[in-house]
Amino acid sequence: MKDLTKGNPFKLILFFALPVFVGCVFQQLYNMADTIIVGNTVGAAAFTGVGLTGAVNFLVLGFVNGLTAGFSVKVAQAFGANDEEKMRRAVGMSYLLCIVVAVAATAIAAPLTAPLLRLMQTPAAYYDYAYWYLLVIFCGIGATVFYNIVAGLLRAVGDSRTPLVFLVLAAILNVGLDFAFIVGFRWHYCGAAIATVLSQLISGAACLVYALCRYPALRPRRSDFRWDTRLAMGHFAVGLPMALQFSITAIGCIVQQTALNGLDASYPGAVTAYTAASKIDNIANQAFAALGTAFATYAAQNYGAGEYGRIRRGVFVGMVYVLASAVIGFAFAVGLCEPLMKLFLNTDLSADVADNYDAIIGYGRQYLLWQCAFYPFLGAIFVFRNTLQGIGKSAVTTFAGVTELAGRILASLVFVRIWGFAGICSSNPVAWVAAVMFLVTTYIVVMRRQAKGEIPDGRTRSHRRRLRRSCRIAVRKAS
């Protein structure tokens, strides 16, 4: 277990976030493996079809991931308060709620696969690929929930390395299964989805075995699995706003993808370029996701311990890391744009790719330039949003998602009509700027209110006043 309430925030946050960052990168890599192998063995249409499912995928999986992340925040707060009994009850309820979430999400998402793709105006050339890939992923939601809750519980007690180890193993397994299912068994794009689900299931099982053996506090007793409505509502009070945050963002991405699909005829190759460039962008910005994970745990533990000053110092540290990560991400994505995009594009399998190759690379570079230039805003979203979530202000961060949604819809519906593909490129930056303005303002207000009741040694001003009053009374009695 790792106590984040003591020690240098620079070192603590860095060493906590590094394993999470590597894990995030590997997770993106094994997601990329699906599209790379599909693009180079099945063809560009299959690659694009699998790739354009990202927004719908994010809508559903982002929601369940947000819920599981919220459940682990309660565990982190109990850990920070050194309340092992409360931790066990929180862990037991987390598992029960995850079963309910997995069943409900699968029952709702799987039948909605086709209507959602039609709503997005998915081009006919890509529809079948997108439908079958997405349907398999949705049927495997339980595996995703399983891995995320166990990994989240490990991070809640300060262990960010173990989920990394099993995620790396899952990534390697996923690549092996991709080749076996796609090339060997010729299950094509469905094989890619099955490989992803199985990899997450195996990784989650390995994490669970390790957590039960290594950390007694994460080993709930039979009595901890009894249903407690009050505790369940407490979990949902944190998890639901985080889930809605992801879903609101995903709705904006769906609007964005719909606007892009409408450009397929007038901008040949734009959808394929966006799909490939988005994969590169996802790799380049994973440092921000890692910082966000670190800050949810860091803020939760320090909040539970009453160390509010450390939370403010940690946010400053986080923004320093954001700026450094933005520079590195820009150099990676823009500097290696063409060679990285070539990984997804096979001109021998697709005449469309061969005919529009230069345009596809140009669209991809244009998209990455826009995204990377605004990385500091994206990083700030993760730092401030996850800090607020860690201290129990999840409901407030939902409004940041609304501002982000408004910005993305504005760009997708208005700017696309004026600028075409450049409007698509601008939609994320507009959304990020809108969200940051709200989050930073909210964070300042919340921390100022907290500071009014805080003194240097961590006690509250009201506690100090009571202490002084007691001293005066004692002096009077002594005299």
Protein backbone atom coordinates (compact mmCIF):
# COMPACT_ATOMS: atom_id res chain seq x y z
CA MET A 1 0.00 0.00 0.00
CA LYS A 2 1.17 3.54 -0.73
CA ASP A 3 0.32 6.42 1.61
CA LEU A 4 0.10 9.63 -0.44
CA THR A 5 -0.57 11.84 2.58
CA LYS A 6 3.11 12.12 3.52
CA GLY A 7 6.22 12.99 1.54
CA ASN A 8 7.21 15.21 -1.38
CA PRO A 9 4.25 15.67 -3.78
CA PHE A 10 6.63 15.97 -6.77
CA LYS A 11 8.02 12.49 -6.15
CA LEU A 12 4.80 10.90 -4.95
CA ILE A 13 2.73 12.01 -7.93
CA LEU A 14 5.48 11.19 -10.43
CA PHE A 15 6.14 7.69 -9.13
CA PHE A 16 2.44 6.96 -8.76
CA ALA A 17 1.57 8.27 -12.23
CA LEU A 18 4.46 6.64 -14.13
CA PRO A 19 3.18 3.05 -13.86
CA VAL A 20 -0.34 4.27 -14.66
CA PHE A 21 1.04 6.10 -17.71
CA VAL A 22 2.83 3.01 -18.99
CA GLY A 23 -0.34 1.03 -18.38
CA CYS A 24 -2.44 3.57 -20.28
CA VAL A 25 -0.02 3.47 -23.20
CA PHE A 26 -0.12 -0.33 -23.29
CA GLN A 27 -3.90 -0.24 -23.16
CA GLN A 28 -3.92 2.06 -26.17
CA LEU A 29 -1.34 -0.11 -27.90
CA TYR A 30 -3.41 -3.23 -27.61
CA ASN A 31 -6.45 -1.28 -28.79
CA MET A 32 -4.32 -0.09 -31.70
CA ALA A 33 -3.25 -3.67 -32.37
CA ASP A 34 -6.83 -4.47 -33.38
CA THR A 35 -6.97 -1.71 -35.97
CA ILE A 36 -3.40 -2.18 -37.23
CA ILE A 37 -3.86 -5.90 -37.82
CA VAL A 38 -7.33 -5.40 -39.31
CA GLY A 39 -6.08 -2.61 -41.57
CA ASN A 40 -3.17 -4.67 -42.86
CA THR A 41 -4.99 -8.00 -43.25
CA VAL A 42 -8.65 -7.20 -44.00
CA GLY A 43 -8.45 -3.76 -45.61
CA ALA A 44 -8.95 -0.02 -45.19
CA ALA A 45 -12.76 -0.25 -45.04
CA ALA A 46 -12.60 -2.69 -42.13
CA PHE A 47 -9.98 -0.53 -40.41
CA THR A 48 -12.15 2.57 -40.74
CA GLY A 49 -15.27 0.69 -39.65
CA VAL A 50 -13.60 -0.60 -36.51
CA GLY A 51 -12.04 2.81 -35.83
CA LEU A 52 -15.18 4.89 -36.13
CA THR A 53 -16.83 2.90 -33.33
CA GLY A 54 -14.71 4.84 -30.84
CA ALA A 55 -17.34 7.45 -29.98
CA VAL A 56 -20.13 4.92 -29.33
CA ASN A 57 -17.69 2.66 -27.51
CA PHE A 58 -16.68 5.58 -25.31
CA LEU A 59 -20.32 6.42 -24.60
CA VAL A 60 -21.00 3.03 -23.05
CA LEU A 61 -17.62 1.94 -21.68
CA GLY A 62 -16.85 5.47 -20.48
CA PHE A 63 -20.02 5.39 -18.42
CA VAL A 64 -19.22 2.08 -16.71
CA ASN A 65 -15.57 3.07 -16.27
CA GLY A 66 -16.65 6.28 -14.57
CA LEU A 67 -18.86 4.33 -12.18
CA THR A 68 -16.09 1.92 -11.21
CA ALA A 69 -13.65 4.81 -10.76
CA GLY A 70 -16.14 6.47 -8.43
CA PHE A 71 -16.51 3.30 -6.35
CA SER A 72 -12.74 3.15 -5.81
CA VAL A 73 -12.67 6.79 -4.62
CA LYS A 74 -14.68 5.78 -1.56
CA VAL A 75 -12.12 3.05 -0.85
CA ALA A 76 -9.24 5.55 -1.20
CA GLN A 77 -10.92 7.95 1.24
CA ALA A 78 -11.34 5.16 3.79
CA PHE A 79 -7.70 4.19 3.28
CA GLY A 80 -6.59 7.79 3.87
CA ALA A 81 -8.61 7.82 7.10
CA ASN A 82 -7.01 4.50 8.22
CA ASP A 83 -10.45 2.90 8.60
CA GLU A 84 -9.93 -0.73 7.51
CA GLU A 85 -13.42 -1.84 8.48
CA LYS A 86 -14.96 0.86 6.32
CA MET A 87 -12.61 -0.12 3.48
CA ARG A 88 -13.81 -3.72 3.50
CA ARG A 89 -17.45 -2.68 3.43
CA ALA A 90 -16.72 -0.27 0.56
CA VAL A 91 -14.90 -3.02 -1.38
CA GLY A 92 -17.72 -5.54 -0.87
CA MET A 93 -20.36 -3.07 -2.01
CA SER A 94 -18.20 -2.13 -5.01
CA TYR A 95 -18.22 -5.73 -6.22
CA LEU A 96 -21.97 -6.04 -5.78
CA LEU A 97 -22.64 -2.81 -7.64
CA CYS A 98 -20.31 -3.81 -10.48
CA ILE A 99 -22.33 -6.98 -11.08
CA VAL A 100 -25.49 -4.89 -11.36
CA VAL A 101 -23.76 -2.35 -13.63
CA ALA A 102 -22.31 -5.02 -15.96
CA VAL A 103 -25.65 -6.81 -16.44
CA ALA A 104 -27.62 -3.59 -16.94
CA ALA A 105 -25.09 -2.02 -19.33
CA THR A 106 -24.93 -5.14 -21.50
CA ALA A 107 -28.71 -5.48 -21.64
CA ILE A 108 -29.09 -1.85 -22.73
CA ALA A 109 -26.06 -1.34 -25.00
CA ALA A 110 -26.14 -4.48 -27.16
CA PRO A 111 -29.65 -3.88 -28.63
CA LEU A 112 -28.82 -0.20 -29.23
CA THR A 113 -25.74 -0.92 -31.37
CA ALA A 114 -27.49 -0.67 -34.73
CA PRO A 115 -29.67 2.38 -33.90
CA LEU A 116 -26.63 4.30 -32.63
CA LEU A 117 -24.60 3.59 -35.77
CA ARG A 118 -27.51 4.65 -37.97
CA LEU A 119 -27.97 7.79 -35.89
CA MET A 120 -24.32 8.64 -36.59
CA GLN A 121 -24.96 8.34 -40.35
CA THR A 122 -22.30 5.66 -40.62
CA PRO A 123 -21.38 5.25 -44.31
CA ALA A 124 -22.63 1.98 -45.81
CA ALA A 125 -19.10 0.92 -46.77
CA TYR A 126 -18.13 0.74 -43.09
CA TYR A 127 -21.40 -0.18 -41.40
CA ASP A 128 -21.13 -3.99 -41.16
CA TYR A 129 -17.56 -3.83 -39.86
CA ALA A 130 -18.54 -1.30 -37.21
CA TYR A 131 -21.70 -3.15 -36.16
CA TRP A 132 -20.23 -6.59 -35.55
CA TYR A 133 -17.10 -5.28 -33.85
CA LEU A 134 -19.13 -3.06 -31.51
CA LEU A 135 -21.69 -5.78 -30.74
CA VAL A 136 -18.97 -8.18 -29.54
CA ILE A 137 -17.38 -5.45 -27.40
CA PHE A 138 -20.72 -4.65 -25.77
CA CYS A 139 -21.41 -8.31 -25.06
CA GLY A 140 -18.08 -8.34 -23.21
CA ILE A 141 -18.79 -5.31 -21.00
CA GLY A 142 -18.60 -7.55 -17.94
CA ALA A 143 -14.90 -8.23 -18.61
CA THR A 144 -14.19 -4.50 -18.86
CA VAL A 145 -16.02 -3.74 -15.60
CA PHE A 146 -14.25 -6.63 -13.88
CA TYR A 147 -10.74 -5.45 -14.76
CA ASN A 148 -11.47 -1.77 -14.06
CA ILE A 149 -12.88 -2.27 -10.56
CA VAL A 150 -10.04 -4.55 -9.41
CA ALA A 151 -7.39 -2.24 -10.90
CA GLY A 152 -9.15 0.77 -9.37
CA LEU A 153 -9.17 -0.82 -5.92
CA LEU A 154 -5.46 -1.54 -6.15
CA ARG A 155 -4.76 2.07 -7.11
CA ALA A 156 -7.00 3.26 -4.27
CA VAL A 157 -4.51 1.80 -1.78
CA GLY A 158 -1.58 3.35 -3.65
CA ASP A 159 -0.56 0.33 -5.77
CA SER A 160 -0.34 1.57 -9.35
CA ARG A 161 2.32 -0.94 -10.44
CA THR A 162 0.40 -4.20 -10.20
CA PRO A 163 -2.37 -3.15 -12.63
CA LEU A 164 0.44 -2.14 -15.01
CA VAL A 165 2.08 -5.56 -14.88
CA PHE A 166 -1.14 -7.38 -15.68
CA LEU A 167 -2.11 -4.83 -18.31
CA VAL A 168 1.21 -5.37 -20.10
CA LEU A 169 0.56 -9.11 -20.04
CA ALA A 170 -2.94 -8.48 -21.37
CA ALA A 171 -1.55 -6.33 -24.19
CA ILE A 172 0.85 -9.08 -25.23
CA LEU A 173 -1.93 -11.66 -25.00
CA ASN A 174 -4.24 -9.44 -27.04
CA VAL A 175 -1.74 -9.17 -29.89
CA GLY A 176 -1.26 -12.93 -29.89
CA LEU A 177 -5.01 -13.55 -29.89
CA ASP A 178 -5.48 -10.95 -32.65
CA PHE A 179 -3.19 -12.90 -34.96
CA ALA A 180 -4.78 -16.21 -33.92
CA PHE A 181 -8.39 -15.05 -34.39
CA ILE A 182 -7.98 -12.63 -37.32
CA VAL A 183 -5.33 -14.38 -39.40
CA GLY A 184 -5.47 -17.98 -38.15
CA PHE A 185 -9.20 -18.54 -37.63
CA ARG A 186 -10.16 -15.79 -40.13
CA TRP A 187 -12.70 -14.24 -37.79
CA HIS A 188 -11.54 -10.85 -39.12
CA TYR A 189 -12.86 -7.78 -37.25
CA CYS A 190 -15.00 -9.91 -34.91
CA GLY A 191 -11.83 -11.75 -33.94
CA ALA A 192 -10.26 -8.43 -32.95
CA ALA A 193 -13.15 -7.68 -30.58
CA ILE A 194 -13.10 -11.18 -29.07
CA ALA A 195 -9.35 -10.88 -28.47
CA THR A 196 -9.86 -7.58 -26.62
CA VAL A 197 -12.60 -8.97 -24.37
CA LEU A 198 -10.68 -12.14 -23.49
CA SER A 199 -7.52 -10.16 -22.73
CA GLN A 200 -9.36 -7.90 -20.29
CA LEU A 201 -11.06 -10.87 -18.63
CA ILE A 202 -7.77 -12.70 -18.04
CA SER A 203 -6.06 -9.54 -16.82
CA GLY A 204 -8.89 -8.82 -14.39
CA ALA A 205 -8.77 -12.35 -12.99
CA ALA A 206 -5.01 -12.11 -12.43
CA CYS A 207 -5.41 -8.73 -10.69
CA LEU A 208 -8.12 -10.12 -8.42
CA VAL A 209 -6.02 -13.10 -7.32
CA TYR A 210 -3.11 -10.80 -6.53
CA ALA A 211 -5.26 -8.28 -4.65
CA LEU A 212 -6.84 -10.97 -2.48
CA CYS A 213 -3.47 -12.51 -1.63
CA ARG A 214 -1.46 -9.30 -1.16
CA TYR A 215 -3.83 -6.89 0.59
CA PRO A 216 -5.99 -8.16 3.48
CA ALA A 217 -7.92 -4.87 3.54
CA LEU A 218 -9.13 -5.61 0.00
CA ARG A 219 -10.32 -9.06 1.08
CA PRO A 220 -13.94 -8.46 2.15
CA ARG A 221 -15.63 -10.90 4.52
CA ARG A 222 -18.97 -12.53 3.80
CA SER A 223 -20.73 -9.94 5.95
CA ASP A 224 -19.25 -7.17 3.79
CA PHE A 225 -21.29 -8.39 0.83
CA ARG A 226 -24.60 -7.66 2.49
CA TRP A 227 -26.60 -5.03 0.67
CA ASP A 228 -26.42 -1.62 2.35
CA THR A 229 -28.58 0.94 0.59
CA ARG A 230 -26.95 3.88 2.32
CA LEU A 231 -23.46 2.71 1.35
CA ALA A 232 -24.59 1.94 -2.20
CA MET A 233 -26.02 5.43 -2.56
CA GLY A 234 -22.73 6.84 -1.27
CA HIS A 235 -20.86 4.94 -4.00
CA PHE A 236 -23.29 6.15 -6.66
CA ALA A 237 -23.09 9.70 -5.33
CA VAL A 238 -19.43 9.72 -6.37
CA GLY A 239 -19.51 7.30 -9.30
CA LEU A 240 -22.61 8.48 -11.16
CA PRO A 241 -21.39 12.06 -11.75
CA MET A 242 -18.06 10.65 -12.97
CA ALA A 243 -19.93 8.28 -15.29
CA LEU A 244 -22.14 11.09 -16.58
CA GLN A 245 -19.01 13.16 -17.14
CA PHE A 246 -17.67 10.49 -19.52
CA SER A 247 -21.03 9.99 -21.20
CA ILE A 248 -21.58 13.69 -21.77
CA THR A 249 -18.14 13.90 -23.34
CA ALA A 250 -18.98 10.85 -25.47
CA ILE A 251 -22.19 12.45 -26.73
CA GLY A 252 -20.11 15.34 -27.99
CA CYS A 253 -17.77 12.85 -29.69
CA ILE A 254 -20.76 11.18 -31.35
CA VAL A 255 -21.90 14.54 -32.71
CA GLN A 256 -18.35 15.12 -33.89
CA GLN A 257 -18.17 11.69 -35.58
CA THR A 258 -21.56 12.27 -37.20
CA ALA A 259 -20.39 15.57 -38.67
CA LEU A 260 -17.23 13.86 -39.91
CA ASN A 261 -19.19 11.02 -41.52
CA GLY A 262 -21.11 13.66 -43.44
CA LEU A 263 -17.83 14.87 -44.98
CA ASP A 264 -16.97 11.43 -46.37
CA ALA A 265 -18.04 12.28 -49.92
CA SER A 266 -16.64 15.83 -50.17
CA TYR A 267 -13.36 15.04 -48.36
CA PRO A 268 -12.24 11.61 -49.63
CA GLY A 269 -10.00 9.93 -47.09
CA ALA A 270 -10.91 12.29 -44.23
CA VAL A 271 -12.69 9.61 -42.17
CA THR A 272 -9.78 7.19 -42.58
CA ALA A 273 -7.28 9.95 -41.72
CA TYR A 274 -9.24 10.95 -38.62
CA THR A 275 -9.41 7.32 -37.49
CA ALA A 276 -5.65 6.82 -37.82
CA ALA A 277 -4.70 10.22 -36.38
CA SER A 278 -7.01 9.69 -33.39
CA LYS A 279 -5.09 6.54 -32.49
CA ILE A 280 -1.83 8.52 -32.49
CA ASP A 281 -3.44 11.32 -30.50
CA ASN A 282 -4.65 8.81 -27.91
CA ILE A 283 -1.09 7.58 -27.38
CA ALA A 284 0.34 11.11 -27.14
CA ASN A 285 -2.11 12.31 -24.48
CA GLN A 286 -2.02 9.31 -22.14
CA ALA A 287 0.24 11.20 -19.71
CA PHE A 288 -2.77 13.38 -18.87
CA ALA A 289 -4.99 10.36 -18.22
CA ALA A 290 -2.29 8.95 -15.92
CA LEU A 291 -2.08 12.24 -14.01
CA GLY A 292 -5.85 12.23 -13.68
CA THR A 293 -5.81 8.75 -12.16
CA ALA A 294 -3.02 9.79 -9.79
CA PHE A 295 -4.89 12.90 -8.67
CA ALA A 296 -8.13 11.06 -7.97
CA THR A 297 -6.25 8.87 -5.49
CA TYR A 298 -3.92 11.62 -4.20
CA ALA A 299 -6.76 14.06 -3.53
CA ALA A 300 -9.01 11.37 -2.02
CA GLN A 301 -6.37 10.14 0.43
CA ASN A 302 -5.34 13.64 1.50
CA TYR A 303 -8.95 14.71 1.81
CA GLY A 304 -9.66 11.70 4.00
CA ALA A 305 -6.64 12.63 6.15
CA GLY A 306 -7.63 16.31 6.33
CA GLU A 307 -4.46 17.45 4.54
CA TYR A 308 -6.05 20.15 2.37
CA GLY A 309 -2.85 22.16 1.93
CA ARG A 310 -1.20 19.15 0.31
CA ILE A 311 -4.02 18.99 -2.21
CA ARG A 312 -3.27 22.56 -3.38
CA ARG A 313 0.46 21.86 -3.58
CA GLY A 314 -0.26 18.69 -5.53
CA VAL A 315 -2.33 20.58 -8.13
CA PHE A 316 0.58 22.96 -8.73
CA VAL A 317 2.86 19.95 -9.23
CA GLY A 318 0.32 18.45 -11.61
CA MET A 319 0.27 21.50 -13.85
CA VAL A 320 4.06 21.47 -14.07
CA TYR A 321 3.87 17.88 -15.26
CA VAL A 322 1.08 18.79 -17.68
CA LEU A 323 3.20 21.41 -19.45
CA ALA A 324 6.16 19.03 -19.73
CA SER A 325 3.91 16.25 -21.04
CA ALA A 326 2.32 18.60 -23.59
CA VAL A 327 5.72 19.40 -25.12
CA ILE A 328 6.69 15.73 -25.32
CA GLY A 329 3.29 14.75 -26.74
CA PHE A 330 3.51 17.44 -29.43
CA ALA A 331 6.97 16.28 -30.51
CA PHE A 332 5.84 12.64 -30.64
CA ALA A 333 2.53 13.05 -32.49
CA VAL A 334 3.47 15.77 -34.99
CA GLY A 335 7.08 14.71 -35.52
CA LEU A 336 6.20 11.07 -36.21
CA CYS A 337 2.85 11.68 -37.88
CA GLU A 338 3.48 10.07 -41.28
CA PRO A 339 5.43 6.97 -40.20
CA LEU A 340 2.87 6.26 -37.47
CA MET A 341 -0.08 6.69 -39.83
CA LYS A 342 1.55 4.28 -42.27
CA LEU A 343 1.12 1.54 -39.68
CA PHE A 344 -2.64 1.64 -40.30
CA LEU A 345 -2.66 2.16 -44.07
CA ASN A 346 -2.04 -0.63 -46.56
CA THR A 347 -2.05 0.75 -50.10
CA ASP A 348 -1.83 -2.75 -51.56
CA LEU A 349 -5.16 -3.83 -50.05
CA SER A 350 -7.13 -0.66 -50.78
CA ALA A 351 -7.26 1.35 -53.99
CA ASP A 352 -8.96 4.22 -52.13
CA VAL A 353 -6.01 4.55 -49.77
CA ALA A 354 -3.54 4.42 -52.65
CA ASP A 355 -5.43 7.08 -54.62
CA ASN A 356 -5.88 9.44 -51.67
CA TYR A 357 -2.68 8.67 -49.74
CA ASP A 358 -1.26 12.23 -49.74
CA ALA A 359 -4.62 13.73 -48.76
CA ILE A 360 -5.03 11.21 -45.91
CA ILE A 361 -1.58 12.06 -44.51
CA GLY A 362 -2.35 15.78 -44.86
CA TYR A 363 -5.66 15.48 -43.01
CA GLY A 364 -4.00 13.44 -40.29
CA ARG A 365 -1.22 15.99 -39.77
CA GLN A 366 -3.72 18.86 -39.70
CA TYR A 367 -5.80 17.11 -37.06
CA LEU A 368 -2.78 16.35 -34.85
CA LEU A 369 -1.50 19.93 -35.05
CA TRP A 370 -4.80 21.24 -33.72
CA GLN A 371 -4.98 18.70 -30.90
CA CYS A 372 -1.38 18.98 -29.74
CA ALA A 373 -1.42 22.77 -29.69
CA PHE A 374 -4.13 22.64 -27.02
CA TYR A 375 -2.74 19.80 -24.92
CA PRO A 376 -2.14 22.06 -21.87
CA PHE A 377 -5.90 22.60 -21.66
CA LEU A 378 -6.60 18.86 -21.93
CA GLY A 379 -4.07 18.15 -19.18
CA ALA A 380 -5.62 20.82 -16.95
CA ILE A 381 -9.01 19.13 -17.33
CA PHE A 382 -7.65 15.87 -15.93
CA VAL A 383 -5.83 17.53 -13.03
CA PHE A 384 -8.63 19.82 -11.84
CA ARG A 385 -11.53 17.49 -12.60
CA ASN A 386 -10.02 14.46 -10.89
CA THR A 387 -8.93 16.54 -7.90
CA LEU A 388 -12.49 17.75 -7.43
CA GLN A 389 -13.77 14.20 -7.82
CA GLY A 390 -11.25 12.94 -5.29
CA ILE A 391 -12.51 15.36 -2.62
CA GLY A 392 -16.10 14.34 -3.23
CA LYS A 393 -17.21 17.11 -5.61
CA SER A 394 -18.10 14.75 -8.47
CA ALA A 395 -21.50 16.33 -9.04
CA VAL A 396 -19.93 19.71 -9.77
CA THR A 397 -17.62 18.26 -12.43
CA THR A 398 -20.65 17.07 -14.39
CA PHE A 399 -21.28 20.69 -15.35
CA ALA A 400 -17.77 20.80 -16.82
CA GLY A 401 -18.88 18.00 -19.09
CA VAL A 402 -21.85 20.08 -20.14
CA THR A 403 -19.61 23.00 -21.10
CA GLU A 404 -17.35 20.59 -22.98
CA LEU A 405 -20.36 19.14 -24.77
CA ALA A 406 -21.58 22.61 -25.76
CA GLY A 407 -18.17 23.53 -27.18
CA ARG A 408 -17.86 20.32 -29.17
CA ILE A 409 -21.39 20.57 -30.58
CA LEU A 410 -20.84 24.23 -31.52
CA ALA A 411 -17.71 23.36 -33.48
CA SER A 412 -19.20 20.22 -35.06
CA LEU A 413 -22.43 21.87 -36.21
CA VAL A 414 -21.24 25.40 -37.02
CA PHE A 415 -17.51 25.41 -37.68
CA VAL A 416 -17.67 22.28 -39.87
CA ARG A 417 -20.08 24.05 -42.21
CA ILE A 418 -17.70 27.01 -42.46
CA TRP A 419 -14.26 25.32 -42.41
CA GLY A 420 -15.02 21.73 -43.41
CA PHE A 421 -12.48 19.29 -41.99
CA ALA A 422 -10.75 22.09 -40.08
CA GLY A 423 -14.00 22.48 -38.12
CA ILE A 424 -13.67 18.85 -37.02
CA CYS A 425 -10.08 19.55 -35.96
CA SER A 426 -11.19 22.54 -33.86
CA SER A 427 -14.02 20.77 -32.02
CA ASN A 428 -11.89 19.14 -29.30
CA PRO A 429 -9.83 22.28 -28.52
CA VAL A 430 -13.00 24.40 -28.25
CA ALA A 431 -14.48 21.85 -25.85
CA TRP A 432 -11.31 21.69 -23.75
CA VAL A 433 -11.06 25.46 -23.33
CA ALA A 434 -14.72 25.67 -22.27
CA ALA A 435 -14.31 22.89 -19.70
CA VAL A 436 -11.08 24.30 -18.23
CA MET A 437 -12.64 27.71 -17.65
CA PHE A 438 -15.38 26.10 -15.57
CA LEU A 439 -13.15 23.62 -13.70
CA VAL A 440 -10.48 26.10 -12.69
CA THR A 441 -13.09 28.57 -11.44
CA THR A 442 -14.84 25.84 -9.47
CA TYR A 443 -11.59 24.56 -7.98
CA ILE A 444 -10.58 28.07 -6.80
CA VAL A 445 -13.98 28.64 -5.18
CA VAL A 446 -14.00 25.24 -3.43
CA MET A 447 -10.44 25.54 -2.11
CA ARG A 448 -10.97 29.11 -0.90
CA ARG A 449 -14.00 27.99 1.06
CA GLN A 450 -11.95 25.15 2.49
CA ALA A 451 -9.10 27.52 3.37
CA LYS A 452 -11.41 29.65 5.51
CA GLY A 453 -11.65 26.79 7.96
CA GLU A 454 -8.01 25.67 7.81
CA ILE A 455 -4.88 26.55 9.83
CA PRO A 456 -1.28 25.44 9.17
CA ASP A 457 -1.33 22.38 11.42
CA GLY A 458 -4.38 20.97 9.63
CA ARG A 459 -6.96 21.85 12.30
CA THR A 460 -9.92 24.06 11.54
CA ARG A 461 -10.34 27.64 12.70
CA SER A 462 -13.42 26.64 14.65
CA HIS A 463 -11.34 23.99 16.42
CA ARG A 464 -8.75 26.65 17.24
CA ARG A 465 -11.42 28.94 18.65
CA ARG A 466 -12.76 26.13 20.85
CA LEU A 467 -9.21 25.39 22.01
CA ARG A 468 -8.60 29.05 22.94
CA ARG A 469 -11.92 29.22 24.78
CA SER A 470 -11.03 26.10 26.76
CA CYS A 471 -7.64 27.61 27.63
CA ARG A 472 -9.24 30.85 28.87
CA ILE A 473 -11.68 28.91 31.04
CA ALA A 474 -8.85 26.80 32.45
CA VAL A 475 -6.84 29.97 33.25
CA ARG A 476 -9.81 31.53 35.04
CA LYS A 477 -10.34 28.40 37.13
CA ALA A 478 -6.65 28.22 37.98
CA SER A 479 -6.64 31.85 39.11
